[in-house]
C-alpha atoms as a PDB file:
ATOM      1  CA  GLN A   1      -0.073  10.528  12.524  1.00  0.00           C
ATOM      2  CA  VAL A   2      -2.119   8.172  10.785  1.00  0.00           C
ATOM      3  CA  GLN A   3       0.039   4.864  10.104  1.00  0.00           C
ATOM      4  CA  LEU A   4      -0.856   2.190   7.933  1.00  0.00           C
ATOM      5  CA  VAL A   5       0.279  -1.215   8.101  1.00  0.00           C
ATOM      6  CA  GLU A   6      -0.001  -3.674   4.862  1.00  0.00           C
ATOM      7  CA  SER A   7       0.134  -7.475   5.160  1.00  0.00           C
ATOM      8  CA  GLY A   8      -0.570 -10.818   3.146  1.00  0.00           C
ATOM      9  CA  GLY A   9       1.525 -10.663   0.347  1.00  0.00           C
ATOM     10  CA  GLY A  10       3.413 -13.383  -0.986  1.00  0.00           C
ATOM     11  CA  LEU A  11       4.474 -15.976  -3.386  1.00  0.00           C
ATOM     12  CA  VAL A  12       1.545 -17.963  -5.306  1.00  0.00           C
ATOM     13  CA  GLN A  13       1.147 -19.786  -8.504  1.00  0.00           C
ATOM     14  CA  ALA A  14      -1.105 -18.396 -11.557  1.00  0.00           C
ATOM     15  CA  GLY A  15      -4.604 -18.868 -10.748  1.00  0.00           C
ATOM     16  CA  GLY A  16      -3.760 -18.992  -6.891  1.00  0.00           C
ATOM     17  CA  SER A  17      -5.792 -16.543  -4.272  1.00  0.00           C
ATOM     18  CA  LEU A  18      -4.248 -13.815  -1.681  1.00  0.00           C
ATOM     19  CA  ARG A  19      -6.144 -11.641   0.385  1.00  0.00           C
ATOM     20  CA  LEU A  20      -4.059  -8.468   1.878  1.00  0.00           C
ATOM     21  CA  SER A  21      -4.807  -6.751   4.736  1.00  0.00           C
ATOM     22  CA  CYS A  22      -4.580  -2.776   5.745  1.00  0.00           C
ATOM     23  CA  ALA A  23      -4.864  -2.135   9.203  1.00  0.00           C
ATOM     24  CA  ALA A  24      -5.074   1.771   9.979  1.00  0.00           C
ATOM     25  CA  SER A  25      -4.209   3.221  13.197  1.00  0.00           C
ATOM     26  CA  GLY A  26      -7.677   5.611  13.713  1.00  0.00           C
ATOM     27  CA  SER A  27     -11.325   4.780  12.457  1.00  0.00           C
ATOM     28  CA  ILE A  28     -11.416   4.305   8.590  1.00  0.00           C
ATOM     29  CA  PHE A  29     -14.545   6.159   8.377  1.00  0.00           C
ATOM     30  CA  SER A  30     -12.361   9.230   9.179  1.00  0.00           C
ATOM     31  CA  PHE A  31     -10.911   8.873   5.671  1.00  0.00           C
ATOM     32  CA  LYS A  32     -12.650   9.732   2.116  1.00  0.00           C
ATOM     33  CA  ALA A  33     -11.603   6.612   0.273  1.00  0.00           C
ATOM     34  CA  MET A  34      -9.161   3.908   1.227  1.00  0.00           C
ATOM     35  CA  ASN A  35      -7.543   2.869  -2.250  1.00  0.00           C
ATOM     36  CA  TRP A  36      -4.706  -0.217  -2.963  1.00  0.00           C
ATOM     37  CA  TYR A  37      -2.210   0.580  -5.637  1.00  0.00           C
ATOM     38  CA  ARG A  38       0.512  -1.304  -7.212  1.00  0.00           C
ATOM     39  CA  GLN A  39       3.495  -0.782  -8.964  1.00  0.00           C
ATOM     40  CA  ALA A  40       5.261  -3.717 -10.917  1.00  0.00           C
ATOM     41  CA  PRO A  41       9.356  -2.761 -11.911  1.00  0.00           C
ATOM     42  CA  GLY A  42       9.357   0.057 -14.713  1.00  0.00           C
ATOM     43  CA  ASN A  43       5.846   0.382 -14.881  1.00  0.00           C
ATOM     44  CA  GLN A  44       3.639   3.471 -14.118  1.00  0.00           C
ATOM     45  CA  ARG A  45       1.760   2.909 -10.272  1.00  0.00           C
ATOM     46  CA  GLU A  46      -1.678   1.762 -11.431  1.00  0.00           C
ATOM     47  CA  LEU A  47      -5.072   2.403  -8.865  1.00  0.00           C
ATOM     48  CA  VAL A  48      -6.185  -0.973  -8.729  1.00  0.00           C
ATOM     49  CA  ALA A  49      -9.522  -0.479  -6.035  1.00  0.00           C
ATOM     50  CA  VAL A  50     -11.220   2.100  -4.044  1.00  0.00           C
ATOM     51  CA  ILE A  51     -13.736   1.932  -1.263  1.00  0.00           C
ATOM     52  CA  THR A  52     -15.473   5.105  -0.223  1.00  0.00           C
ATOM     53  CA  ASN A  53     -16.797   6.201   2.975  1.00  0.00           C
ATOM     54  CA  ASP A  54     -20.216   5.634   1.683  1.00  0.00           C
ATOM     55  CA  GLY A  55     -19.226   2.018   0.604  1.00  0.00           C
ATOM     56  CA  SER A  56     -18.877   2.536  -2.625  1.00  0.00           C
ATOM     57  CA  ARG A  57     -16.384   0.527  -4.667  1.00  0.00           C
ATOM     58  CA  ILE A  58     -14.399   1.108  -7.792  1.00  0.00           C
ATOM     59  CA  TYR A  59     -11.809  -1.093  -9.667  1.00  0.00           C
ATOM     60  CA  ALA A  60      -8.837  -0.466 -12.398  1.00  0.00           C
ATOM     61  CA  ASP A  61     -10.785  -2.784 -15.600  1.00  0.00           C
ATOM     62  CA  SER A  62      -7.720  -4.948 -15.477  1.00  0.00           C
ATOM     63  CA  VAL A  63      -9.082  -6.493 -11.929  1.00  0.00           C
ATOM     64  CA  LYS A  64     -12.793  -5.998 -12.337  1.00  0.00           C
ATOM     65  CA  GLY A  65     -14.339  -9.997 -11.594  1.00  0.00           C
ATOM     66  CA  ARG A  66     -11.122 -10.909  -9.835  1.00  0.00           C
ATOM     67  CA  PHE A  67     -10.401  -8.628  -7.057  1.00  0.00           C
ATOM     68  CA  THR A  68     -12.940  -7.411  -4.360  1.00  0.00           C
ATOM     69  CA  ILE A  69     -11.744  -4.410  -1.788  1.00  0.00           C
ATOM     70  CA  SER A  70     -13.741  -4.944   1.647  1.00  0.00           C
ATOM     71  CA  ARG A  71     -13.528  -3.673   5.151  1.00  0.00           C
ATOM     72  CA  ASP A  72     -13.882  -4.352   8.880  1.00  0.00           C
ATOM     73  CA  SER A  73     -14.810  -1.180  10.408  1.00  0.00           C
ATOM     74  CA  ALA A  74     -14.660  -3.210  13.986  1.00  0.00           C
ATOM     75  CA  LYS A  75     -11.011  -3.868  12.973  1.00  0.00           C
ATOM     76  CA  ASN A  76     -10.117  -0.590  11.185  1.00  0.00           C
ATOM     77  CA  THR A  77      -8.838  -3.244   8.242  1.00  0.00           C
ATOM     78  CA  VAL A  78      -9.231  -2.826   4.798  1.00  0.00           C
ATOM     79  CA  TYR A  79      -8.805  -5.828   2.751  1.00  0.00           C
ATOM     80  CA  LEU A  80      -8.254  -6.726  -0.915  1.00  0.00           C
ATOM     81  CA  GLN A  81      -9.114 -10.356  -1.794  1.00  0.00           C
ATOM     82  CA  MET A  82      -7.396 -11.245  -5.264  1.00  0.00           C
ATOM     83  CA  ASN A  83      -8.194 -14.275  -7.175  1.00  0.00           C
ATOM     84  CA  SER A  84      -7.733 -15.838 -10.627  1.00  0.00           C
ATOM     85  CA  LEU A  85      -3.952 -14.021  -9.735  1.00  0.00           C
ATOM     86  CA  GLU A  86      -1.711 -13.724 -13.183  1.00  0.00           C
ATOM     87  CA  PRO A  87       1.629 -13.297 -13.545  1.00  0.00           C
ATOM     88  CA  GLU A  88       0.686  -9.377 -14.709  1.00  0.00           C
ATOM     89  CA  ASP A  89      -0.448  -9.330 -11.129  1.00  0.00           C
ATOM     90  CA  THR A  90       2.971  -8.923  -9.780  1.00  0.00           C
ATOM     91  CA  ALA A  91       3.899  -5.675  -8.068  1.00  0.00           C
ATOM     92  CA  VAL A  92       4.133  -3.722  -4.836  1.00  0.00           C
ATOM     93  CA  TYR A  93       0.779  -3.450  -3.589  1.00  0.00           C
ATOM     94  CA  SER A  94      -0.028  -0.558  -1.175  1.00  0.00           C
ATOM     95  CA  CYS A  95      -2.658   0.699   1.155  1.00  0.00           C
ATOM     96  CA  THR A  96      -3.443   4.475   1.109  1.00  0.00           C
ATOM     97  CA  ALA A  97      -6.305   6.857   2.955  1.00  0.00           C
ATOM     98  CA  ASP A  98      -7.110  10.245   1.855  1.00  0.00           C
ATOM     99  CA  THR A  99      -8.966  12.530   3.932  1.00  0.00           C
ATOM    100  CA  SER A 100     -11.596  15.066   3.502  1.00  0.00           C
ATOM    101  CA  PHE A 101      -8.433  17.742   3.885  1.00  0.00           C
ATOM    102  CA  GLY A 102      -6.874  16.721   0.768  1.00  0.00           C
ATOM    103  CA  ASP A 103      -4.008  14.889   2.738  1.00  0.00           C
ATOM    104  CA  ASP A 104      -3.095  11.275   1.781  1.00  0.00           C
ATOM    105  CA  TYR A 105      -1.196   8.842   3.692  1.00  0.00           C
ATOM    106  CA  TRP A 106       0.626   5.703   2.387  1.00  0.00           C
ATOM    107  CA  GLY A 107       1.445   1.891   3.685  1.00  0.00           C
ATOM    108  CA  GLN A 108       4.852   0.876   3.381  1.00  0.00           C
ATOM    109  CA  GLY A 109       3.569  -1.903   0.467  1.00  0.00           C
ATOM    110  CA  THR A 110       3.772  -5.403   0.570  1.00  0.00           C
ATOM    111  CA  GLN A 111       4.953  -7.598  -2.471  1.00  0.00           C
ATOM    112  CA  VAL A 112       2.805  -9.726  -4.547  1.00  0.00           C
ATOM    113  CA  THR A 113       4.401 -12.233  -6.689  1.00  0.00           C
ATOM    114  CA  VAL A 114       2.308 -14.230  -9.023  1.00  0.00           C
ATOM    115  CA  SER A 115       4.649 -17.314 -10.831  1.00  0.00           C
ATOM    116  CA  SER A 116       3.500 -19.162 -13.837  1.00  0.00           C
END
């Protein structure tokens, strides 16, 4: 069973930065892609960033130029560096992993709150 554990959330002022971490229980290269989603109360879940097995990166328009997804294969960890945070970025951020077999795994989520 794959386990994903997020960390790094918290409270930050607008304009500040946070780095989220997602530690996987196995090799991250065993996954087709790893993703960060977010969901704010009353809003639909939004796909924020993706990093594929071959290293390709995809970002939501709302975070392009501000967020960066990266990985450390030695630590089996994926990161989301979030800069120039805005109150609209406030949400629960969840890490997910997609397998080639169509399965996906989710972490428990971490709260990010950006104050104005």
